[in-house]
Amino acid sequence: MGQPYQQPGAPTAQPGASFDHSLVTGAFELPNHTIVRNFGIVRGIVVRSRSIVGSIGAGLQQIVGGNISLYTELCERARGEAYELMIQHAAALGANAIISVRYDATEITAGVSEVLCYGTAVFAAPKQ
């Protein structure tokens, strides 16, 4: 699939840099950690469109009813990519954690949606 899309103006993470995903939370604090530095808001943005084949397959699933798995997979993939882009942005700033993580989605035009994942990048140290 090639290299992931790099958002214009977004810092690039250092190659090989690892990020502890257990330090990513929707809460405003991290248990047993002290926020030492706040780097500000970080984000990951993905814009997706439905393919003709996917739309036809989803249309057939709509006839039967229930979960439309093609759209579920598309949404999960877009959210996952936005999340990973946010992580890269935070790591490039020197953060080791992200608090107050949220998702937002907007339909830009028929069949084209933006998925945004954002939070506050911080450096968190374990409490002694």
Protein backbone atom coordinates (compact mmCIF):
# COMPACT_ATOMS: atom_id res chain seq x y z
CA MET A 1 0.00 0.00 0.00
CA GLY A 2 3.06 2.26 0.17
CA GLN A 3 3.87 5.00 2.63
CA PRO A 4 1.08 6.38 4.82
CA TYR A 5 -0.22 9.80 3.92
CA GLN A 6 1.66 12.60 5.70
CA GLN A 7 -0.53 15.52 6.66
CA PRO A 8 0.83 18.85 5.38
CA GLY A 9 2.45 20.73 8.26
CA ALA A 10 2.37 17.74 10.61
CA PRO A 11 5.69 16.79 12.22
CA THR A 12 7.18 13.48 11.16
CA ALA A 13 7.84 10.82 13.79
CA GLN A 14 11.38 9.54 14.18
CA PRO A 15 11.89 6.19 12.44
CA GLY A 16 11.72 3.34 14.91
CA ALA A 17 10.12 5.52 17.59
CA SER A 18 7.70 3.55 19.71
CA PHE A 19 4.66 4.91 21.49
CA ASP A 20 3.04 3.22 24.48
CA HIS A 21 -0.62 2.99 23.44
CA SER A 22 -1.61 2.37 27.05
CA LEU A 23 -0.76 6.05 27.63
CA VAL A 24 -3.46 7.21 25.20
CA THR A 25 -6.77 8.00 26.88
CA GLY A 26 -9.99 9.93 26.59
CA ALA A 27 -9.60 10.92 30.25
CA PHE A 28 -8.06 14.21 31.36
CA GLU A 29 -5.31 12.53 33.39
CA LEU A 30 -3.31 9.32 33.54
CA PRO A 31 -3.52 7.23 36.72
CA ASN A 32 -0.19 6.92 38.55
CA HIS A 33 1.45 9.48 36.24
CA THR A 34 2.28 13.18 36.53
CA ILE A 35 1.95 15.42 33.48
CA VAL A 36 5.39 17.02 33.18
CA ARG A 37 4.93 18.87 29.88
CA ASN A 38 2.02 19.79 27.62
CA PHE A 39 2.78 19.88 23.89
CA GLY A 40 -0.70 21.01 22.82
CA ILE A 41 -3.25 19.51 20.48
CA VAL A 42 -2.26 16.77 18.05
CA ARG A 43 -4.45 15.35 15.32
CA GLY A 44 -4.81 12.77 12.63
CA ILE A 45 -7.10 13.41 9.68
CA VAL A 46 -8.26 10.90 7.07
CA VAL A 47 -10.65 11.59 4.19
CA ARG A 48 -12.34 8.54 2.72
CA SER A 49 -14.72 7.89 -0.12
CA ARG A 50 -16.88 4.88 -0.83
CA SER A 51 -15.97 2.90 -3.92
CA ILE A 52 -18.60 1.91 -6.49
CA VAL A 53 -18.02 -1.78 -5.70
CA GLY A 54 -18.30 -1.10 -1.94
CA SER A 55 -21.49 0.90 -2.45
CA ILE A 56 -23.06 -1.90 -4.47
CA GLY A 57 -22.05 -4.51 -1.87
CA ALA A 58 -23.36 -2.32 0.96
CA GLY A 59 -26.59 -1.80 -0.98
CA LEU A 60 -27.06 -5.57 -1.17
CA GLN A 61 -26.43 -5.83 2.59
CA GLN A 62 -29.06 -3.12 3.18
CA ILE A 63 -31.66 -5.26 1.45
CA VAL A 64 -31.02 -8.10 3.91
CA GLY A 65 -30.80 -5.73 6.89
CA GLY A 66 -28.57 -5.76 9.95
CA ASN A 67 -24.99 -4.61 10.25
CA ILE A 68 -23.53 -3.32 6.99
CA SER A 69 -20.10 -4.86 7.43
CA LEU A 70 -18.53 -3.15 4.39
CA TYR A 71 -19.23 0.27 5.90
CA THR A 72 -18.20 -0.91 9.37
CA GLU A 73 -14.83 -2.03 8.01
CA LEU A 74 -14.39 1.25 6.10
CA CYS A 75 -15.15 3.27 9.26
CA GLU A 76 -12.86 1.17 11.44
CA ARG A 77 -10.01 1.49 8.94
CA ALA A 78 -10.45 5.28 8.71
CA ARG A 79 -10.57 5.65 12.51
CA GLY A 80 -7.49 3.45 12.90
CA GLU A 81 -5.53 5.46 10.35
CA ALA A 82 -6.55 8.78 11.95
CA TYR A 83 -5.51 7.41 15.36
CA GLU A 84 -2.10 6.31 14.07
CA LEU A 85 -1.52 9.69 12.40
CA MET A 86 -2.32 11.39 15.73
CA ILE A 87 0.19 9.08 17.47
CA GLN A 88 2.87 9.95 14.89
CA HIS A 89 2.20 13.66 15.37
CA ALA A 90 2.56 13.34 19.17
CA ALA A 91 5.73 11.22 18.94
CA ALA A 92 7.34 13.72 16.58
CA LEU A 93 6.79 16.45 19.17
CA GLY A 94 8.46 14.37 21.88
CA ALA A 95 5.29 13.37 23.73
CA ASN A 96 4.94 9.96 25.31
CA ALA A 97 1.20 10.17 26.06
CA ILE A 98 -2.02 11.68 24.75
CA ILE A 99 -4.94 12.67 26.96
CA SER A 100 -8.47 13.88 26.14
CA VAL A 101 -8.61 11.86 22.90
CA ARG A 102 -11.73 12.36 20.80
CA TYR A 103 -13.01 11.38 17.35
CA ASP A 104 -15.11 13.46 15.00
CA ALA A 105 -16.49 12.63 11.57
CA THR A 106 -17.98 14.93 8.96
CA GLU A 107 -19.52 14.19 5.60
CA ILE A 108 -17.77 16.52 3.16
CA THR A 109 -19.94 15.57 0.21
CA ALA A 110 -22.07 12.56 -0.71
CA GLY A 111 -19.91 9.47 -0.18
CA VAL A 112 -16.86 11.40 1.10
CA SER A 113 -16.20 11.68 4.82
CA GLU A 114 -13.49 13.13 7.02
CA VAL A 115 -12.46 11.34 10.19
CA LEU A 116 -10.53 13.36 12.75
CA CYS A 117 -8.82 11.97 15.84
CA TYR A 118 -7.40 14.56 18.22
CA GLY A 119 -6.13 14.97 21.76
CA THR A 120 -3.59 16.73 23.94
CA ALA A 121 0.00 15.50 23.61
CA VAL A 122 1.86 15.40 26.92
CA PHE A 123 4.96 13.98 28.53
CA ALA A 124 3.87 11.87 31.50
CA ALA A 125 6.22 10.55 34.17
CA PRO A 126 5.32 7.70 36.52
CA LYS A 127 4.61 8.87 40.07
CA GLN A 128 7.31 7.86 42.54
